[in-house]
Amino acid sequence: MKDMQKMMKEAQKMAAEMSKAQAEIAEQRVEGSAGGSAVKVVATGDMNIVSVTLDPDLLTDLEPDDIEMIGDTVTAAVNDALEKARALQQEAMGPLAGGLGGLGL
């Protein structure tokens, strides 16, 4: 019975640590870019897009085909930012997730 209580206590401690780590990740910011930094996207560690910045030169003398290129560049910058946010999560949460094995889970 003591083993079960110990395991429950460890699980509660782990849950509190994960919750704290998730809150810290949510406060962090990462920046993705594309098109030689013509488009920059800032995302939080919990994968929310905070801002999108376009270089004004990207929007001068636009041709009809440029609209699709700008969309593709924004998409690439968003994906870059989200990939960095995922890496941040894995880096921060990896040690905690590894601890679950010690609980027999």
Protein backbone atom coordinates (compact mmCIF):
# COMPACT_ATOMS: atom_id res chain seq x y z
CA MET A 1 0.00 0.00 0.00
CA LYS A 2 2.88 2.36 0.75
CA ASP A 3 4.22 1.77 -2.76
CA MET A 4 0.89 2.91 -4.20
CA GLN A 5 0.91 6.06 -2.04
CA LYS A 6 4.48 6.79 -3.06
CA MET A 7 3.60 6.32 -6.72
CA MET A 8 0.58 8.64 -6.39
CA LYS A 9 2.72 11.27 -4.69
CA GLU A 10 5.30 11.02 -7.47
CA ALA A 11 2.57 11.30 -10.12
CA GLN A 12 1.20 14.44 -8.46
CA LYS A 13 4.67 15.94 -8.27
CA MET A 14 5.27 15.13 -11.94
CA ALA A 15 1.92 16.68 -12.91
CA ALA A 16 2.81 19.87 -11.04
CA GLU A 17 6.22 20.02 -12.74
CA MET A 18 4.65 19.50 -16.17
CA SER A 19 2.08 22.20 -15.52
CA LYS A 20 4.81 24.62 -14.47
CA ALA A 21 6.92 23.75 -17.53
CA GLN A 22 3.93 24.26 -19.85
CA ALA A 23 3.27 27.70 -18.33
CA GLU A 24 6.93 28.66 -18.80
CA ILE A 25 6.88 27.43 -22.41
CA ALA A 26 3.75 29.47 -23.14
CA GLU A 27 5.59 32.65 -22.11
CA GLN A 28 8.56 32.05 -24.41
CA ARG A 29 8.72 33.43 -27.94
CA VAL A 30 10.32 32.02 -31.09
CA GLU A 31 10.76 33.70 -34.45
CA GLY A 32 10.43 32.05 -37.82
CA SER A 33 11.33 33.67 -41.11
CA ALA A 34 11.25 33.05 -44.84
CA GLY A 35 12.17 34.80 -48.04
CA GLY A 36 15.50 36.00 -46.72
CA SER A 37 13.71 37.40 -43.64
CA ALA A 38 11.21 39.29 -45.82
CA VAL A 39 8.53 37.66 -43.68
CA LYS A 40 8.98 37.17 -39.94
CA VAL A 41 6.54 35.37 -37.67
CA VAL A 42 6.64 35.34 -33.88
CA ALA A 43 4.98 32.46 -32.04
CA THR A 44 4.68 31.49 -28.41
CA GLY A 45 6.05 28.25 -27.11
CA ASP A 46 2.50 26.91 -26.94
CA MET A 47 2.16 27.49 -30.69
CA ASN A 48 0.11 30.67 -30.87
CA ILE A 49 1.06 33.15 -33.58
CA VAL A 50 1.76 36.54 -31.99
CA SER A 51 2.75 38.61 -35.00
CA VAL A 52 3.53 38.56 -38.70
CA THR A 53 5.87 41.23 -40.10
CA LEU A 54 6.35 41.86 -43.81
CA ASP A 55 9.29 43.77 -45.25
CA PRO A 56 7.77 46.77 -47.09
CA ASP A 57 9.96 45.99 -50.12
CA LEU A 58 8.03 42.74 -50.48
CA LEU A 59 4.89 44.73 -51.24
CA THR A 60 6.23 47.23 -53.79
CA ASP A 61 5.52 46.92 -57.50
CA LEU A 62 3.43 43.78 -57.12
CA GLU A 63 2.63 41.60 -60.10
CA PRO A 64 -0.38 39.25 -59.99
CA ASP A 65 1.93 36.23 -59.51
CA ASP A 66 3.54 37.94 -56.52
CA ILE A 67 0.41 37.51 -54.40
CA GLU A 68 0.77 33.72 -54.47
CA MET A 69 4.51 34.02 -53.73
CA ILE A 70 3.80 36.25 -50.72
CA GLY A 71 1.24 33.75 -49.44
CA ASP A 72 3.75 30.93 -49.83
CA THR A 73 6.41 32.97 -48.03
CA VAL A 74 4.06 33.75 -45.12
CA THR A 75 3.13 30.07 -44.91
CA ALA A 76 6.80 29.07 -44.83
CA ALA A 77 7.54 31.60 -42.08
CA VAL A 78 4.60 30.39 -39.98
CA ASN A 79 5.72 26.79 -40.39
CA ASP A 80 9.27 27.78 -39.41
CA ALA A 81 8.03 29.49 -36.24
CA LEU A 82 5.78 26.56 -35.30
CA GLU A 83 8.62 24.08 -35.86
CA LYS A 84 10.79 26.12 -33.49
CA ALA A 85 7.94 26.16 -30.95
CA ARG A 86 7.65 22.36 -31.21
CA ALA A 87 11.40 22.02 -30.68
CA LEU A 88 11.15 24.29 -27.65
CA GLN A 89 8.38 22.10 -26.22
CA GLN A 90 10.34 18.90 -26.82
CA GLU A 91 13.43 20.38 -25.23
CA ALA A 92 11.54 21.57 -22.15
CA MET A 93 9.19 18.63 -21.73
CA GLY A 94 11.51 15.80 -22.75
CA PRO A 95 13.10 15.32 -19.33
CA LEU A 96 9.69 15.33 -17.66
CA ALA A 97 8.18 12.85 -20.11
CA GLY A 98 11.18 10.58 -19.58
CA GLY A 99 10.37 10.52 -15.87
CA LEU A 100 7.07 8.77 -16.50
CA GLY A 101 8.89 5.49 -17.06
CA GLY A 102 10.03 5.54 -13.45
CA LEU A 103 6.39 5.47 -12.38
CA GLY A 104 5.76 2.26 -14.25
CA LEU A 105 3.68 4.10 -16.87
